[in-house]
Amino acid sequence: MKFISTLIGFIIFVLFFGFALKNSQEVDLQLFLHYELRGPLVLMLLGFFVAGAVLGVLALTPTVFRHRREANKHKTTIHTLQASAQQANRQPQPDSVNTQ
C-alpha cells in the first residue's frame, strides 16, 4: 500500500511539474490603487492556492474548537457518571425484608 501511495504521489508531482514548465510566462496582476504584481503564472497560482487553503483553515477554526469543547464536556460527564456508578456499587445494599 505504501508503494502505491508513493507511486501516486510521484505521478502527481510529475504532472504538476510539467504544468509549471508549460506555464512559466510572466503575468501582470492588477491590484487596487494602481499596484501591480508581476511574476510567473505558476507562482501566482501557487500563491492564491496557499491563500485559499489558509483562509479555509481559518474559517474552520471556530467549528473545530467548538467540537473540542463539546467533546471535553462529554468526557467529564462520562467520568462523573462512572465515578458515581462506582460509588453506588461500593455502598452495601440493605438486605431485603421478607414479610411472609
C-alpha atoms as a PDB file:
ATOM      1  CA  MET A   1       0.000   0.000   0.000  1.00  0.00           C
ATOM      2  CA  LYS A   2       2.860   2.356   0.802  1.00  0.00           C
ATOM      3  CA  PHE A   3       4.330   1.682  -2.633  1.00  0.00           C
ATOM      4  CA  ILE A   4       1.051   2.591  -4.338  1.00  0.00           C
ATOM      5  CA  SER A   5       0.684   5.851  -2.409  1.00  0.00           C
ATOM      6  CA  THR A   6       4.317   6.740  -3.172  1.00  0.00           C
ATOM      7  CA  LEU A   7       3.749   5.987  -6.851  1.00  0.00           C
ATOM      8  CA  ILE A   8       0.593   8.119  -6.951  1.00  0.00           C
ATOM      9  CA  GLY A   9       2.420  10.966  -5.201  1.00  0.00           C
ATOM     10  CA  PHE A  10       5.263  10.759  -7.718  1.00  0.00           C
ATOM     11  CA  ILE A  11       2.827  10.815 -10.645  1.00  0.00           C
ATOM     12  CA  ILE A  12       1.036  13.863  -9.233  1.00  0.00           C
ATOM     13  CA  PHE A  13       4.372  15.600  -8.692  1.00  0.00           C
ATOM     14  CA  VAL A  14       5.419  14.932 -12.301  1.00  0.00           C
ATOM     15  CA  LEU A  15       2.081  16.260 -13.585  1.00  0.00           C
ATOM     16  CA  PHE A  16       2.340  19.454 -11.536  1.00  0.00           C
ATOM     17  CA  PHE A  17       5.975  19.901 -12.521  1.00  0.00           C
ATOM     18  CA  GLY A  18       5.016  19.596 -16.193  1.00  0.00           C
ATOM     19  CA  PHE A  19       2.230  22.124 -15.632  1.00  0.00           C
ATOM     20  CA  ALA A  20       4.747  24.513 -14.082  1.00  0.00           C
ATOM     21  CA  LEU A  21       7.143  24.139 -17.001  1.00  0.00           C
ATOM     22  CA  LYS A  22       4.386  24.794 -19.544  1.00  0.00           C
ATOM     23  CA  ASN A  23       3.092  27.907 -17.714  1.00  0.00           C
ATOM     24  CA  SER A  24       6.230  29.844 -16.921  1.00  0.00           C
ATOM     25  CA  GLN A  25       5.322  33.055 -18.777  1.00  0.00           C
ATOM     26  CA  GLU A  26       5.135  36.360 -16.931  1.00  0.00           C
ATOM     27  CA  VAL A  27       1.741  37.706 -15.924  1.00  0.00           C
ATOM     28  CA  ASP A  28       0.644  41.050 -14.527  1.00  0.00           C
ATOM     29  CA  LEU A  29      -1.738  41.149 -11.604  1.00  0.00           C
ATOM     30  CA  GLN A  30      -3.516  44.492 -11.323  1.00  0.00           C
ATOM     31  CA  LEU A  31      -4.366  45.379  -7.722  1.00  0.00           C
ATOM     32  CA  PHE A  32      -6.207  48.300  -6.186  1.00  0.00           C
ATOM     33  CA  LEU A  33      -4.661  51.788  -6.046  1.00  0.00           C
ATOM     34  CA  HIS A  34      -2.642  51.137  -9.211  1.00  0.00           C
ATOM     35  CA  TYR A  35      -0.451  48.468  -7.637  1.00  0.00           C
ATOM     36  CA  GLU A  36       0.807  45.799  -9.953  1.00  0.00           C
ATOM     37  CA  LEU A  37       2.452  42.459  -9.297  1.00  0.00           C
ATOM     38  CA  ARG A  38       4.477  40.799 -11.992  1.00  0.00           C
ATOM     39  CA  GLY A  39       5.632  37.216 -11.838  1.00  0.00           C
ATOM     40  CA  PRO A  40       5.367  33.740 -13.316  1.00  0.00           C
ATOM     41  CA  LEU A  41       1.872  32.343 -13.693  1.00  0.00           C
ATOM     42  CA  VAL A  42       2.738  29.258 -11.660  1.00  0.00           C
ATOM     43  CA  LEU A  43       3.857  31.330  -8.673  1.00  0.00           C
ATOM     44  CA  MET A  44       0.698  33.429  -8.849  1.00  0.00           C
ATOM     45  CA  LEU A  45      -1.459  30.287  -8.907  1.00  0.00           C
ATOM     46  CA  LEU A  46       0.515  28.743  -6.061  1.00  0.00           C
ATOM     47  CA  GLY A  47       0.193  31.914  -4.001  1.00  0.00           C
ATOM     48  CA  PHE A  48      -3.568  32.071  -4.441  1.00  0.00           C
ATOM     49  CA  PHE A  49      -3.894  28.354  -3.728  1.00  0.00           C
ATOM     50  CA  VAL A  50      -1.980  28.743  -0.457  1.00  0.00           C
ATOM     51  CA  ALA A  51      -4.002  31.835   0.469  1.00  0.00           C
ATOM     52  CA  GLY A  52      -7.245  29.929  -0.164  1.00  0.00           C
ATOM     53  CA  ALA A  53      -6.075  26.992   1.932  1.00  0.00           C
ATOM     54  CA  VAL A  54      -5.125  29.303   4.808  1.00  0.00           C
ATOM     55  CA  LEU A  55      -8.481  31.081   4.644  1.00  0.00           C
ATOM     56  CA  GLY A  56     -10.268  27.720   4.622  1.00  0.00           C
ATOM     57  CA  VAL A  57      -8.410  26.569   7.722  1.00  0.00           C
ATOM     58  CA  LEU A  58      -9.143  29.858   9.466  1.00  0.00           C
ATOM     59  CA  ALA A  59     -12.821  29.541   8.590  1.00  0.00           C
ATOM     60  CA  LEU A  60     -12.965  26.063  10.166  1.00  0.00           C
ATOM     61  CA  THR A  61     -11.100  27.005  13.341  1.00  0.00           C
ATOM     62  CA  PRO A  62     -14.158  28.091  15.402  1.00  0.00           C
ATOM     63  CA  THR A  63     -16.013  24.901  14.486  1.00  0.00           C
ATOM     64  CA  VAL A  64     -13.070  22.721  15.486  1.00  0.00           C
ATOM     65  CA  PHE A  65     -12.718  24.461  18.840  1.00  0.00           C
ATOM     66  CA  ARG A  66     -16.465  24.173  19.492  1.00  0.00           C
ATOM     67  CA  HIS A  67     -16.372  20.436  18.787  1.00  0.00           C
ATOM     68  CA  ARG A  68     -13.345  20.017  21.055  1.00  0.00           C
ATOM     69  CA  ARG A  69     -15.086  21.890  23.854  1.00  0.00           C
ATOM     70  CA  GLU A  70     -18.204  19.726  23.484  1.00  0.00           C
ATOM     71  CA  ALA A  71     -16.112  16.538  23.433  1.00  0.00           C
ATOM     72  CA  ASN A  72     -14.310  17.579  26.617  1.00  0.00           C
ATOM     73  CA  LYS A  73     -17.643  18.356  28.270  1.00  0.00           C
ATOM     74  CA  HIS A  74     -18.924  14.903  27.330  1.00  0.00           C
ATOM     75  CA  LYS A  75     -15.741  13.283  28.656  1.00  0.00           C
ATOM     76  CA  THR A  76     -16.139  14.986  32.024  1.00  0.00           C
ATOM     77  CA  THR A  77     -19.785  13.908  32.138  1.00  0.00           C
ATOM     78  CA  ILE A  78     -18.778  10.316  31.415  1.00  0.00           C
ATOM     79  CA  HIS A  79     -16.113  10.379  34.129  1.00  0.00           C
ATOM     80  CA  THR A  80     -18.587  11.851  36.615  1.00  0.00           C
ATOM     81  CA  LEU A  81     -21.181   9.188  35.821  1.00  0.00           C
ATOM     82  CA  GLN A  82     -18.605   6.406  36.061  1.00  0.00           C
ATOM     83  CA  ALA A  83     -17.402   7.699  39.418  1.00  0.00           C
ATOM     84  CA  SER A  84     -20.946   7.891  40.775  1.00  0.00           C
ATOM     85  CA  ALA A  85     -21.675   4.373  39.484  1.00  0.00           C
ATOM     86  CA  GLN A  86     -18.577   3.036  41.233  1.00  0.00           C
ATOM     87  CA  GLN A  87     -19.589   4.856  44.403  1.00  0.00           C
ATOM     88  CA  ALA A  88     -23.057   3.317  44.237  1.00  0.00           C
ATOM     89  CA  ASN A  89     -21.577  -0.159  43.770  1.00  0.00           C
ATOM     90  CA  ARG A  90     -19.353   0.245  46.833  1.00  0.00           C
ATOM     91  CA  GLN A  91     -22.169   1.070  49.233  1.00  0.00           C
ATOM     92  CA  PRO A  92     -23.677  -2.057  50.748  1.00  0.00           C
ATOM     93  CA  GLN A  93     -27.240  -2.724  49.767  1.00  0.00           C
ATOM     94  CA  PRO A  94     -29.674  -3.248  52.612  1.00  0.00           C
ATOM     95  CA  ASP A  95     -30.983  -6.767  52.990  1.00  0.00           C
ATOM     96  CA  SER A  96     -34.411  -7.281  51.646  1.00  0.00           C
ATOM     97  CA  VAL A  97     -37.051  -7.916  54.225  1.00  0.00           C
ATOM     98  CA  ASN A  98     -39.298 -10.901  53.708  1.00  0.00           C
ATOM     99  CA  THR A  99     -42.770 -10.398  55.104  1.00  0.00           C
ATOM    100  CA  GLN A 100     -44.078 -13.924  54.941  1.00  0.00           C
END
